[in-house]
Amino acid sequence: MGDGAFGMSGLDLETSVRSGLPITTVLLNNGGMATYPGGYPASKELSGVTYMSGDYATIAQGLGAVGIRVSEPSGVIPAIEEAKRLNADGKTCLLDIKTNLEGKRSNFM
């Protein structure tokens, strides 16, 4: 999920922890909401609605999960391997993967 989507469904981590059903959530943290046509120009100007910041790994920890930060591409595979190990031990994980906010997106639907 993206960091914008985390605001709508991120509490599923707490449900996973409470239910004892370990999952791994991969969060692509690009610091913005960028999937909406037009990008909400008025809301962007008035309140910066498309710019986001957050330490989602720490939020995951506050919900009882394990938060793993990934800031370099070389860290993705080790983070996935660690999450698989933690899931096998019954722990829910969130991989907070920093990505770039791209101005150009695919038109594939």
Protein backbone atom coordinates (compact mmCIF):
# COMPACT_ATOMS: atom_id res chain seq x y z
CA MET A 1 0.00 0.00 0.00
CA GLY A 2 1.06 3.59 -0.31
CA ASP A 3 1.54 5.98 2.57
CA GLY A 4 -1.74 7.69 1.65
CA ALA A 5 -3.61 4.38 1.82
CA PHE A 6 -2.12 3.71 5.25
CA GLY A 7 -4.32 6.50 6.59
CA MET A 8 -7.37 4.55 5.48
CA SER A 9 -6.40 0.97 6.27
CA GLY A 10 -3.24 0.99 8.39
CA LEU A 11 -5.07 -0.03 11.55
CA ASP A 12 -5.43 -3.49 10.02
CA LEU A 13 -2.00 -4.03 11.57
CA GLU A 14 -3.55 -3.82 15.04
CA THR A 15 -6.28 -6.26 14.01
CA SER A 16 -3.62 -8.70 12.82
CA VAL A 17 -1.68 -8.40 16.09
CA ARG A 18 -4.78 -8.72 18.28
CA SER A 19 -6.07 -11.70 16.30
CA GLY A 20 -2.72 -13.50 16.33
CA LEU A 21 -2.71 -13.67 12.53
CA PRO A 22 0.73 -12.44 11.45
CA ILE A 23 0.91 -10.60 8.14
CA THR A 24 3.50 -8.47 6.39
CA THR A 25 2.38 -5.15 4.97
CA VAL A 26 4.62 -3.46 2.42
CA LEU A 27 4.23 0.31 2.53
CA LEU A 28 5.66 2.36 -0.33
CA ASN A 29 6.47 5.63 1.39
CA ASN A 30 6.85 8.33 -1.26
CA GLY A 31 5.75 11.21 0.96
CA GLY A 32 2.68 12.10 -1.04
CA MET A 33 -0.69 11.25 -2.44
CA ALA A 34 -0.20 11.13 -6.15
CA THR A 35 -2.79 8.83 -7.67
CA TYR A 36 -5.66 11.25 -8.03
CA PRO A 37 -6.31 12.92 -11.41
CA GLY A 38 -5.45 16.60 -11.20
CA GLY A 39 -3.79 16.17 -7.82
CA TYR A 40 -6.33 18.23 -5.83
CA PRO A 41 -4.85 21.62 -6.80
CA ALA A 42 -7.02 23.74 -4.46
CA SER A 43 -6.52 21.46 -1.45
CA LYS A 44 -2.82 21.23 -2.22
CA GLU A 45 -2.50 25.02 -2.24
CA LEU A 46 -4.61 25.58 0.89
CA SER A 47 -3.46 22.75 3.13
CA GLY A 48 -0.72 20.75 1.44
CA VAL A 49 -3.02 17.73 1.21
CA THR A 50 -0.76 15.84 -1.18
CA TYR A 51 2.37 16.13 0.95
CA MET A 52 2.73 13.55 3.67
CA SER A 53 5.34 12.59 6.18
CA GLY A 54 5.33 9.87 8.72
CA ASP A 55 7.43 7.33 10.50
CA TYR A 56 5.25 4.36 9.66
CA ALA A 57 7.65 1.81 11.16
CA THR A 58 7.25 3.53 14.54
CA ILE A 59 3.47 3.68 14.09
CA ALA A 60 3.50 -0.09 13.43
CA GLN A 61 5.44 -0.62 16.65
CA GLY A 62 2.86 1.41 18.54
CA LEU A 63 0.20 -0.95 17.19
CA GLY A 64 2.12 -3.98 18.47
CA ALA A 65 3.72 -4.96 15.17
CA VAL A 66 7.35 -4.92 14.09
CA GLY A 67 8.27 -1.93 11.95
CA ILE A 68 11.21 -2.26 9.56
CA ARG A 69 12.55 0.81 7.73
CA VAL A 70 14.08 0.37 4.28
CA SER A 71 15.81 3.41 2.81
CA GLU A 72 17.99 1.83 0.11
CA PRO A 73 17.07 -0.63 -2.66
CA SER A 74 19.68 -3.07 -1.36
CA GLY A 75 17.69 -3.33 1.88
CA VAL A 76 14.47 -4.66 0.32
CA ILE A 77 15.38 -8.36 0.07
CA PRO A 78 16.89 -8.55 3.59
CA ALA A 79 13.80 -6.79 4.98
CA ILE A 80 11.47 -9.27 3.26
CA GLU A 81 13.52 -12.18 4.58
CA GLU A 82 13.39 -10.73 8.11
CA ALA A 83 9.62 -10.21 7.84
CA LYS A 84 9.14 -13.83 6.71
CA ARG A 85 11.14 -15.02 9.73
CA LEU A 86 9.13 -12.79 12.08
CA ASN A 87 5.82 -13.95 10.54
CA ALA A 88 6.89 -17.55 11.16
CA ASP A 89 7.44 -16.54 14.81
CA GLY A 90 3.88 -15.17 14.93
CA LYS A 91 4.70 -11.47 14.58
CA THR A 92 3.03 -8.95 12.28
CA CYS A 93 5.39 -6.72 10.28
CA LEU A 94 5.30 -3.51 8.33
CA LEU A 95 8.03 -2.74 5.81
CA ASP A 96 8.28 1.07 5.51
CA ILE A 97 10.07 1.39 2.16
CA LYS A 98 11.15 4.91 1.19
CA THR A 99 10.55 5.66 -2.48
CA ASN A 100 10.69 8.77 -4.65
CA LEU A 101 7.65 10.90 -5.35
CA GLU A 102 7.51 10.61 -9.11
CA GLY A 103 5.88 13.22 -11.28
CA LYS A 104 5.22 10.77 -14.10
CA ARG A 105 3.04 7.69 -13.71
CA SER A 106 1.94 4.80 -15.84
CA ASN A 107 -1.29 5.12 -17.80
CA PHE A 108 -1.85 1.38 -17.56
CA MET A 109 -5.27 0.59 -16.16
